[in-house]
Protein backbone atom coordinates (compact mmCIF):
# COMPACT_ATOMS: atom_id res chain seq x y z
CA MET A 1 -9.98 8.43 -1.41
CA SER A 2 -8.65 11.05 -3.95
CA ASP A 3 -8.73 10.28 -7.57
CA ASP A 4 -4.80 10.37 -7.52
CA ILE A 5 -4.66 7.77 -4.89
CA PHE A 6 -7.21 5.53 -6.85
CA ARG A 7 -5.17 5.95 -10.07
CA THR A 8 -1.94 5.18 -8.28
CA LEU A 9 -3.34 2.06 -6.65
CA ALA A 10 -4.79 0.86 -9.88
CA ASP A 11 -1.46 -0.10 -11.06
CA PRO A 12 -0.50 -3.89 -10.05
CA THR A 13 3.18 -3.05 -9.81
CA ARG A 14 2.58 -0.23 -7.52
CA ARG A 15 0.26 -2.32 -5.31
CA ARG A 16 2.95 -4.98 -5.22
CA ILE A 17 5.60 -2.33 -4.19
CA LEU A 18 3.32 -1.51 -1.46
CA ASP A 19 2.76 -5.10 -0.48
CA LEU A 20 6.52 -5.59 -0.31
CA LEU A 21 7.09 -2.52 1.84
CA ALA A 22 4.41 -3.63 4.16
CA GLU A 23 5.85 -7.09 4.47
CA ARG A 24 9.51 -6.04 4.89
CA GLY A 25 9.72 -2.49 6.08
CA ALA A 26 11.84 0.12 4.50
CA LEU A 27 13.61 -0.92 1.16
CA ASN A 28 15.71 0.87 -1.43
CA VAL A 29 15.25 0.68 -5.25
CA SER A 30 17.80 -2.13 -5.72
CA GLU A 31 16.07 -4.25 -3.19
CA LEU A 32 12.56 -3.64 -4.85
CA ALA A 33 13.91 -4.10 -8.23
CA ALA A 34 15.17 -7.60 -7.37
CA GLU A 35 11.44 -8.55 -7.00
CA PHE A 36 10.59 -7.47 -10.46
CA PRO A 37 13.11 -9.29 -12.96
CA ASP A 38 11.08 -7.97 -15.98
CA LEU A 39 11.58 -4.39 -14.96
CA ALA A 40 14.66 -2.13 -14.83
CA ALA A 41 15.56 -0.19 -11.55
CA SER A 42 14.45 3.05 -13.53
CA GLY A 43 11.13 1.59 -13.90
CA ILE A 44 10.68 0.86 -10.28
CA SER A 45 12.00 4.40 -9.61
CA LYS A 46 9.05 5.73 -11.86
CA HIS A 47 6.64 3.77 -9.84
CA LEU A 48 8.10 5.03 -6.58
CA MET A 49 7.78 8.64 -7.79
CA GLY A 50 4.10 8.05 -8.46
CA LEU A 51 3.62 6.52 -4.93
CA ARG A 52 5.51 9.60 -3.49
CA ALA A 53 3.49 11.99 -5.43
CA ALA A 54 0.28 10.42 -4.09
CA GLY A 55 1.85 10.59 -0.70
CA LEU A 56 1.60 6.82 -0.22
CA VAL A 57 5.31 6.43 0.52
CA ASN A 58 8.18 8.39 1.93
CA ALA A 59 11.84 8.30 1.23
CA ARG A 60 14.61 9.09 3.49
CA ARG A 61 18.34 9.02 2.58
CA ARG A 62 20.82 6.53 4.04
CA GLY A 63 24.25 7.18 2.63
CA ARG A 64 24.00 7.11 -1.17
CA GLN A 65 20.73 5.37 -1.14
CA ARG A 66 17.04 6.23 -0.54
CA LEU A 67 15.01 3.99 1.58
CA TYR A 68 11.16 3.91 0.91
CA ARG A 69 8.71 3.26 3.44
CA ILE A 70 4.81 3.22 3.59
CA ASN A 71 3.26 6.52 4.74
CA ALA A 72 0.79 4.69 7.05
CA ARG A 73 -1.24 7.90 8.03
CA VAL A 74 -1.83 8.93 4.44
CA LEU A 75 -2.83 5.25 3.44
CA ALA A 76 -5.19 5.01 6.30
CA ASP A 77 -6.67 8.43 5.76
CA ALA A 78 -7.20 7.83 2.20
CA MET A 79 -8.58 4.29 2.64
CA ALA A 80 -10.91 5.10 5.66
CA PRO A 81 -13.72 6.72 3.59
CA TRP A 82 -13.78 4.01 0.99
CA LEU A 83 -13.74 1.20 3.64
CA ALA A 84 -16.37 2.81 5.80
CA LYS A 85 -18.83 2.00 2.85
CA TYR A 86 -18.40 -1.53 3.36
CA GLU A 87 -18.44 -1.64 7.15
CA PRO A 88 -22.03 -2.63 7.37
CA TYR A 89 -21.33 -5.83 5.44
CA TRP A 90 -18.55 -6.66 7.90
CA SER A 91 -20.63 -5.81 10.83
CA GLU A 92 -23.44 -8.18 9.77
CA ALA A 93 -21.04 -10.96 8.98
CA LEU A 94 -19.24 -10.53 12.28
CA GLU A 95 -22.53 -10.63 14.19
CA ARG A 96 -23.62 -13.86 12.30
CA LEU A 97 -20.24 -15.37 13.11
CA ARG A 98 -20.68 -14.48 16.81
CA THR A 99 -24.06 -15.92 16.78
CA LEU A 100 -22.70 -19.18 15.38
CA ALA A 101 -19.84 -19.23 17.78
CA GLU A 102 -21.97 -18.60 20.85
CA GLY A 103 -24.45 -21.28 19.79
CA ARG A 104 -27.49 -19.08 19.58
């Protein structure tokens, strides 16, 4: 994963924005800002700019608004090498679970 994406994902507000987009699909700034009562819409816009710069979200126009959506391909490509390091742990745990489930 590139350093840019690591830095972007280090921020809890940006991670929460990604969570909201994953849960609800495309959202505009106002819809996102409603979930952050302590932040102004301009603050959410700055976080979205960071997410866009890292390629983690896309924006498209709908009338006068922009709808933001997760860029799944970029997120998956960025996360794959990092997650691959931990795959052996999952494999071992899943194999132990299979053994328990099958009563071996």
